[in-house]
N, C-alpha and C. Protein backbone atom coordinates (compact mmCIF):
# COMPACT_ATOMS: atom_id res chain seq x y z
N UNK A 1 -12.83 181.41 96.11
CA UNK A 1 -14.25 181.56 96.34
C UNK A 1 -14.76 180.28 96.96
N UNK A 2 -15.66 180.41 97.86
CA UNK A 2 -16.18 179.24 98.58
C UNK A 2 -17.25 178.53 97.76
N UNK A 3 -17.66 177.38 98.25
CA UNK A 3 -18.71 176.61 97.60
C UNK A 3 -20.03 177.37 97.61
N UNK A 4 -20.24 178.21 98.60
CA UNK A 4 -21.46 179.01 98.66
C UNK A 4 -21.49 180.00 97.49
N UNK A 5 -20.34 180.56 97.16
CA UNK A 5 -20.26 181.45 96.00
C UNK A 5 -20.60 180.73 94.71
N UNK A 6 -20.08 179.50 94.56
CA UNK A 6 -20.40 178.73 93.35
C UNK A 6 -21.87 178.36 93.31
N UNK A 7 -22.48 178.11 94.45
CA UNK A 7 -23.92 177.81 94.48
C UNK A 7 -24.72 179.03 94.05
N UNK A 8 -24.37 180.20 94.55
CA UNK A 8 -25.09 181.42 94.17
C UNK A 8 -24.96 181.70 92.67
N UNK A 9 -23.74 181.58 92.17
CA UNK A 9 -23.54 181.79 90.73
C UNK A 9 -24.31 180.73 89.94
N UNK A 10 -24.29 179.50 90.41
CA UNK A 10 -24.99 178.42 89.73
C UNK A 10 -26.49 178.62 89.65
N UNK A 11 -27.07 179.17 90.70
CA UNK A 11 -28.51 179.44 90.68
C UNK A 11 -28.87 180.44 89.59
N UNK A 12 -28.07 181.46 89.47
CA UNK A 12 -28.31 182.48 88.44
C UNK A 12 -28.04 181.93 87.05
N UNK A 13 -26.93 181.22 86.90
CA UNK A 13 -26.55 180.70 85.59
C UNK A 13 -27.48 179.59 85.12
N UNK A 14 -28.06 178.84 86.04
CA UNK A 14 -29.03 177.82 85.65
C UNK A 14 -30.26 178.43 85.00
N UNK A 15 -30.74 179.54 85.56
CA UNK A 15 -31.89 180.23 84.98
C UNK A 15 -31.52 180.81 83.61
N UNK A 16 -30.33 181.38 83.49
CA UNK A 16 -29.89 181.93 82.20
C UNK A 16 -29.70 180.83 81.16
N UNK A 17 -29.13 179.71 81.57
CA UNK A 17 -28.90 178.60 80.64
C UNK A 17 -30.22 178.06 80.12
N UNK A 18 -31.21 177.99 80.99
CA UNK A 18 -32.53 177.51 80.54
C UNK A 18 -33.14 178.46 79.52
N UNK A 19 -32.92 179.75 79.70
CA UNK A 19 -33.45 180.74 78.76
C UNK A 19 -32.69 180.70 77.43
N UNK A 20 -31.41 180.36 77.47
CA UNK A 20 -30.59 180.37 76.25
C UNK A 20 -30.79 179.11 75.43
N UNK A 21 -30.88 177.95 76.07
CA UNK A 21 -30.99 176.67 75.36
C UNK A 21 -32.37 176.58 74.73
N UNK A 22 -32.42 176.33 73.41
CA UNK A 22 -33.73 176.28 72.74
C UNK A 22 -34.49 175.00 73.08
N UNK A 23 -35.78 175.06 72.91
CA UNK A 23 -36.63 173.90 73.14
C UNK A 23 -37.11 173.81 74.57
N UNK A 24 -38.00 172.88 74.78
CA UNK A 24 -38.57 172.67 76.11
C UNK A 24 -37.73 171.66 76.87
N UNK A 25 -37.28 172.04 78.04
CA UNK A 25 -36.52 171.13 78.88
C UNK A 25 -37.46 170.48 79.88
N UNK A 26 -37.20 169.21 80.13
CA UNK A 26 -38.01 168.52 81.13
C UNK A 26 -37.49 168.87 82.51
N UNK A 27 -38.36 168.86 83.46
CA UNK A 27 -38.00 169.23 84.83
C UNK A 27 -38.44 170.65 85.11
N UNK A 28 -38.66 170.93 86.33
CA UNK A 28 -39.11 172.25 86.73
C UNK A 28 -37.94 173.18 87.03
N UNK A 29 -38.27 174.26 87.71
CA UNK A 29 -37.26 175.26 88.04
C UNK A 29 -36.25 174.75 89.05
N UNK A 30 -36.68 173.88 89.93
CA UNK A 30 -35.74 173.34 90.93
C UNK A 30 -34.68 172.50 90.23
N UNK A 31 -35.08 171.68 89.28
CA UNK A 31 -34.13 170.88 88.51
C UNK A 31 -33.19 171.80 87.74
N UNK A 32 -33.74 172.85 87.16
CA UNK A 32 -32.92 173.79 86.40
C UNK A 32 -31.88 174.48 87.29
N UNK A 33 -32.29 174.89 88.47
CA UNK A 33 -31.36 175.54 89.38
C UNK A 33 -30.28 174.57 89.86
N UNK A 34 -30.65 173.33 90.12
CA UNK A 34 -29.66 172.33 90.50
C UNK A 34 -28.69 172.05 89.35
N UNK A 35 -29.21 172.01 88.13
CA UNK A 35 -28.33 171.85 86.97
C UNK A 35 -27.40 173.05 86.82
N UNK A 36 -27.87 174.23 87.16
CA UNK A 36 -27.03 175.41 87.12
C UNK A 36 -25.90 175.35 88.12
N UNK A 37 -26.17 174.83 89.31
CA UNK A 37 -25.13 174.68 90.31
C UNK A 37 -24.07 173.69 89.83
N UNK A 38 -24.53 172.55 89.32
CA UNK A 38 -23.59 171.56 88.79
C UNK A 38 -22.82 172.16 87.61
N UNK A 39 -23.51 172.90 86.76
CA UNK A 39 -22.86 173.51 85.60
C UNK A 39 -21.82 174.54 85.99
N UNK A 40 -22.08 175.30 87.02
CA UNK A 40 -21.10 176.29 87.47
C UNK A 40 -19.84 175.61 87.98
N UNK A 41 -20.02 174.53 88.70
CA UNK A 41 -18.86 173.79 89.19
C UNK A 41 -18.12 173.14 88.02
N UNK A 42 -18.85 172.59 87.05
CA UNK A 42 -18.22 172.01 85.86
C UNK A 42 -17.48 173.09 85.08
N UNK A 43 -18.08 174.25 84.93
CA UNK A 43 -17.42 175.35 84.22
C UNK A 43 -16.14 175.79 84.92
N UNK A 44 -16.15 175.82 86.24
CA UNK A 44 -14.94 176.15 86.98
C UNK A 44 -13.87 175.10 86.80
N UNK A 45 -14.28 173.84 86.77
CA UNK A 45 -13.32 172.76 86.56
C UNK A 45 -12.73 172.83 85.15
N UNK A 46 -13.56 173.10 84.15
CA UNK A 46 -13.07 173.23 82.78
C UNK A 46 -12.09 174.38 82.66
N UNK A 47 -12.41 175.50 83.27
CA UNK A 47 -11.51 176.66 83.22
C UNK A 47 -10.18 176.35 83.87
N UNK A 48 -10.20 175.63 84.97
CA UNK A 48 -8.96 175.29 85.66
C UNK A 48 -8.15 174.26 84.88
N UNK A 49 -8.82 173.25 84.36
CA UNK A 49 -8.12 172.15 83.71
C UNK A 49 -7.61 172.51 82.31
N UNK A 50 -8.46 173.12 81.52
CA UNK A 50 -8.11 173.37 80.13
C UNK A 50 -7.31 174.65 79.96
N UNK A 51 -7.76 175.72 80.58
CA UNK A 51 -7.13 177.02 80.36
C UNK A 51 -6.13 177.41 81.44
N UNK A 52 -6.09 176.67 82.52
CA UNK A 52 -5.15 176.94 83.58
C UNK A 52 -5.42 178.22 84.35
N UNK A 53 -6.65 178.72 84.27
CA UNK A 53 -7.00 179.94 84.99
C UNK A 53 -7.50 179.59 86.39
N UNK A 54 -7.34 180.53 87.28
CA UNK A 54 -7.82 180.35 88.64
C UNK A 54 -9.12 181.12 88.80
N UNK A 55 -10.24 180.42 88.71
CA UNK A 55 -11.54 181.07 88.80
C UNK A 55 -12.03 181.16 90.24
N UNK A 56 -11.22 180.75 91.17
CA UNK A 56 -11.62 180.77 92.57
C UNK A 56 -11.19 182.04 93.28
N UNK A 57 -10.70 183.02 92.55
CA UNK A 57 -10.18 184.23 93.17
C UNK A 57 -11.28 185.15 93.67
N UNK A 58 -12.13 185.62 92.76
CA UNK A 58 -13.12 186.62 93.15
C UNK A 58 -14.50 186.23 92.66
N UNK A 59 -15.49 186.66 93.42
CA UNK A 59 -16.89 186.39 93.07
C UNK A 59 -17.33 187.22 91.87
N UNK A 60 -16.86 188.45 91.78
CA UNK A 60 -17.34 189.36 90.74
C UNK A 60 -16.42 189.42 89.53
N UNK A 61 -15.61 188.40 89.32
CA UNK A 61 -14.75 188.33 88.15
C UNK A 61 -15.57 187.89 86.95
N UNK A 62 -15.43 188.59 85.82
CA UNK A 62 -16.21 188.27 84.63
C UNK A 62 -15.91 186.88 84.11
N UNK A 63 -14.66 186.46 84.19
CA UNK A 63 -14.29 185.12 83.74
C UNK A 63 -14.98 184.02 84.52
N UNK A 64 -15.12 184.22 85.81
CA UNK A 64 -15.81 183.25 86.66
C UNK A 64 -17.25 183.08 86.21
N UNK A 65 -17.92 184.18 85.96
CA UNK A 65 -19.32 184.13 85.52
C UNK A 65 -19.44 183.54 84.12
N UNK A 66 -18.50 183.86 83.23
CA UNK A 66 -18.55 183.34 81.87
C UNK A 66 -18.38 181.82 81.86
N UNK A 67 -17.40 181.32 82.60
CA UNK A 67 -17.20 179.87 82.65
C UNK A 67 -18.34 179.17 83.35
N UNK A 68 -18.95 179.80 84.33
CA UNK A 68 -20.11 179.22 85.00
C UNK A 68 -21.28 179.12 84.02
N UNK A 69 -21.46 180.14 83.18
CA UNK A 69 -22.53 180.10 82.18
C UNK A 69 -22.26 179.02 81.14
N UNK A 70 -21.03 178.91 80.67
CA UNK A 70 -20.69 177.89 79.69
C UNK A 70 -20.92 176.49 80.27
N UNK A 71 -20.48 176.27 81.49
CA UNK A 71 -20.70 174.98 82.14
C UNK A 71 -22.17 174.68 82.34
N UNK A 72 -22.95 175.68 82.70
CA UNK A 72 -24.39 175.48 82.89
C UNK A 72 -25.08 175.14 81.59
N UNK A 73 -24.69 175.80 80.51
CA UNK A 73 -25.28 175.49 79.21
C UNK A 73 -24.95 174.06 78.81
N UNK A 74 -23.71 173.64 79.04
CA UNK A 74 -23.31 172.27 78.71
C UNK A 74 -24.14 171.26 79.49
N UNK A 75 -24.30 171.50 80.79
CA UNK A 75 -25.05 170.56 81.63
C UNK A 75 -26.53 170.55 81.24
N UNK A 76 -27.11 171.70 80.94
CA UNK A 76 -28.52 171.75 80.52
C UNK A 76 -28.71 171.04 79.18
N UNK A 77 -27.77 171.20 78.26
CA UNK A 77 -27.85 170.49 76.98
C UNK A 77 -27.77 168.98 77.18
N UNK A 78 -26.87 168.54 78.03
CA UNK A 78 -26.76 167.11 78.31
C UNK A 78 -28.04 166.60 78.96
N UNK A 79 -28.60 167.37 79.89
CA UNK A 79 -29.85 166.99 80.55
C UNK A 79 -30.99 166.90 79.53
N UNK A 80 -31.08 167.88 78.63
CA UNK A 80 -32.14 167.87 77.61
C UNK A 80 -31.99 166.66 76.69
N UNK A 81 -30.76 166.36 76.32
CA UNK A 81 -30.52 165.21 75.46
C UNK A 81 -30.87 163.91 76.17
N UNK A 82 -30.46 163.80 77.43
CA UNK A 82 -30.69 162.56 78.18
C UNK A 82 -32.17 162.34 78.48
N UNK A 83 -32.89 163.38 78.82
CA UNK A 83 -34.31 163.21 79.16
C UNK A 83 -35.18 163.21 77.93
N UNK A 84 -34.71 163.72 76.82
CA UNK A 84 -35.49 163.74 75.59
C UNK A 84 -35.55 162.41 74.90
N UNK A 85 -34.62 161.52 75.22
CA UNK A 85 -34.56 160.21 74.59
C UNK A 85 -35.59 159.24 75.15
N UNK A 86 -36.08 159.51 76.34
CA UNK A 86 -37.05 158.62 76.97
C UNK A 86 -38.44 158.86 76.41
N UNK A 87 -39.13 157.81 76.15
CA UNK A 87 -40.51 157.92 75.67
C UNK A 87 -41.42 157.22 76.66
N UNK A 88 -42.51 157.88 77.00
CA UNK A 88 -43.46 157.27 77.95
C UNK A 88 -44.57 156.59 77.21
């Protein structure tokens, strides 16, 4: 799957990750979508490194979407933790 496929999946998974993660996240929808793209790529890397699966085969594979969602949730949680520590 090309980088464009990962970007499309990341946009969708970023919105889902924001809905799943409890609490208010800082940043708007653009930040959330960018975090989703990064999370999808991180999820693909985790799937390849840890489980040895090839998530680059098909766009409509359920495993690809699942790992993209897991990666997006991880990145959104890290973002929430990192931005929540700052006090203005």
